[in-house]
Amino acid sequence: MHGEEYVKNPLTAAVLSFLVPGVGQWYNGKFLRGLFWLLVTPGLWLGTGGTLGWVCHIVSAVTAYSYANRLYVR
């Protein structure tokens, strides 16, 4: 495996971020983005009675997946 780079699995990133928004971004090495989702999502859950909380969960998972997918070498 000399010369190969360790890459992140997009599905793992998406599942992690769906379970806890921001964790998929941390898995991808994007700590500030992860912190953003971790702080914003609960605020939107509480502030909108859950409606935008679900939206944030989905968007967080999709962005984590997309970023990992760009890094993923097949």
C-alpha atoms as a PDB file:
ATOM      1  CA  MET A   1       0.000   0.000   0.000  1.00  0.00           C
ATOM      2  CA  HIS A   2       2.930   2.278  -0.403  1.00  0.00           C
ATOM      3  CA  GLY A   3       1.971   5.520  -2.117  1.00  0.00           C
ATOM      4  CA  GLU A   4      -1.746   5.108  -1.494  1.00  0.00           C
ATOM      5  CA  GLU A   5      -3.693   7.597   0.531  1.00  0.00           C
ATOM      6  CA  TYR A   6      -6.260   6.638   3.167  1.00  0.00           C
ATOM      7  CA  VAL A   7      -9.656   7.952   2.128  1.00  0.00           C
ATOM      8  CA  LYS A   8     -12.990   8.280   3.867  1.00  0.00           C
ATOM      9  CA  ASN A   9     -16.044   6.168   3.100  1.00  0.00           C
ATOM     10  CA  PRO A  10     -18.935   8.400   1.930  1.00  0.00           C
ATOM     11  CA  LEU A  11     -21.628   6.129   3.383  1.00  0.00           C
ATOM     12  CA  THR A  12     -19.959   6.117   6.795  1.00  0.00           C
ATOM     13  CA  ALA A  13     -19.713   9.919   6.733  1.00  0.00           C
ATOM     14  CA  ALA A  14     -23.395  10.254   5.827  1.00  0.00           C
ATOM     15  CA  VAL A  15     -24.610   7.839   8.499  1.00  0.00           C
ATOM     16  CA  LEU A  16     -22.476   9.450  11.195  1.00  0.00           C
ATOM     17  CA  SER A  17     -23.738  12.901  10.287  1.00  0.00           C
ATOM     18  CA  PHE A  18     -27.338  11.735  10.160  1.00  0.00           C
ATOM     19  CA  LEU A  19     -27.097  10.191  13.620  1.00  0.00           C
ATOM     20  CA  VAL A  20     -25.324  13.208  15.126  1.00  0.00           C
ATOM     21  CA  PRO A  21     -25.070  16.225  12.832  1.00  0.00           C
ATOM     22  CA  GLY A  22     -21.447  17.265  12.442  1.00  0.00           C
ATOM     23  CA  VAL A  23     -19.835  13.932  13.271  1.00  0.00           C
ATOM     24  CA  GLY A  24     -19.619  12.969   9.590  1.00  0.00           C
ATOM     25  CA  GLN A  25     -17.799  16.222   8.907  1.00  0.00           C
ATOM     26  CA  TRP A  26     -15.391  15.433  11.759  1.00  0.00           C
ATOM     27  CA  TYR A  27     -14.865  11.972  10.260  1.00  0.00           C
ATOM     28  CA  ASN A  28     -13.911  13.749   7.027  1.00  0.00           C
ATOM     29  CA  GLY A  29     -11.450  15.973   8.911  1.00  0.00           C
ATOM     30  CA  LYS A  30     -13.583  19.129   8.648  1.00  0.00           C
ATOM     31  CA  PHE A  31     -13.764  20.088  12.313  1.00  0.00           C
ATOM     32  CA  LEU A  32     -15.151  23.628  11.988  1.00  0.00           C
ATOM     33  CA  ARG A  33     -17.884  22.468   9.614  1.00  0.00           C
ATOM     34  CA  GLY A  34     -18.733  19.711  12.056  1.00  0.00           C
ATOM     35  CA  LEU A  35     -18.914  22.162  14.927  1.00  0.00           C
ATOM     36  CA  PHE A  36     -21.220  24.379  12.863  1.00  0.00           C
ATOM     37  CA  TRP A  37     -23.693  21.537  12.244  1.00  0.00           C
ATOM     38  CA  LEU A  38     -23.433  20.339  15.829  1.00  0.00           C
ATOM     39  CA  LEU A  39     -24.400  23.788  17.138  1.00  0.00           C
ATOM     40  CA  VAL A  40     -26.933  24.889  14.508  1.00  0.00           C
ATOM     41  CA  THR A  41     -29.034  21.737  14.272  1.00  0.00           C
ATOM     42  CA  PRO A  42     -30.201  21.591  17.901  1.00  0.00           C
ATOM     43  CA  GLY A  43     -31.036  25.296  17.759  1.00  0.00           C
ATOM     44  CA  LEU A  44     -33.224  24.732  14.730  1.00  0.00           C
ATOM     45  CA  TRP A  45     -34.830  21.670  16.331  1.00  0.00           C
ATOM     46  CA  LEU A  46     -35.818  23.748  19.332  1.00  0.00           C
ATOM     47  CA  GLY A  47     -36.570  26.980  17.503  1.00  0.00           C
ATOM     48  CA  THR A  48     -38.874  25.496  14.873  1.00  0.00           C
ATOM     49  CA  GLY A  49     -40.477  22.630  16.749  1.00  0.00           C
ATOM     50  CA  GLY A  50     -38.449  20.090  14.782  1.00  0.00           C
ATOM     51  CA  THR A  51     -39.257  21.089  11.212  1.00  0.00           C
ATOM     52  CA  LEU A  52     -35.911  22.639  10.323  1.00  0.00           C
ATOM     53  CA  GLY A  53     -34.133  20.193  12.605  1.00  0.00           C
ATOM     54  CA  TRP A  54     -34.957  17.405  10.155  1.00  0.00           C
ATOM     55  CA  VAL A  55     -33.833  19.563   7.260  1.00  0.00           C
ATOM     56  CA  CYS A  56     -30.504  20.174   9.022  1.00  0.00           C
ATOM     57  CA  HIS A  57     -30.053  16.463   9.699  1.00  0.00           C
ATOM     58  CA  ILE A  58     -30.551  15.668   6.024  1.00  0.00           C
ATOM     59  CA  VAL A  59     -28.369  18.525   4.751  1.00  0.00           C
ATOM     60  CA  SER A  60     -25.610  17.619   7.208  1.00  0.00           C
ATOM     61  CA  ALA A  61     -25.637  13.996   6.033  1.00  0.00           C
ATOM     62  CA  VAL A  62     -25.691  14.969   2.344  1.00  0.00           C
ATOM     63  CA  THR A  63     -22.804  17.419   2.692  1.00  0.00           C
ATOM     64  CA  ALA A  64     -20.730  14.872   4.640  1.00  0.00           C
ATOM     65  CA  TYR A  65     -21.426  12.266   1.957  1.00  0.00           C
ATOM     66  CA  SER A  66     -20.613  14.671  -0.886  1.00  0.00           C
ATOM     67  CA  TYR A  67     -17.307  15.755   0.605  1.00  0.00           C
ATOM     68  CA  ALA A  68     -16.211  12.179   1.362  1.00  0.00           C
ATOM     69  CA  ASN A  69     -17.303  11.106  -2.120  1.00  0.00           C
ATOM     70  CA  ARG A  70     -15.000  13.688  -3.695  1.00  0.00           C
ATOM     71  CA  LEU A  71     -12.117  12.262  -1.663  1.00  0.00           C
ATOM     72  CA  TYR A  72     -13.011   8.615  -2.201  1.00  0.00           C
ATOM     73  CA  VAL A  73     -10.692   6.843  -4.608  1.00  0.00           C
ATOM     74  CA  ARG A  74     -12.084   3.650  -6.108  1.00  0.00           C
END
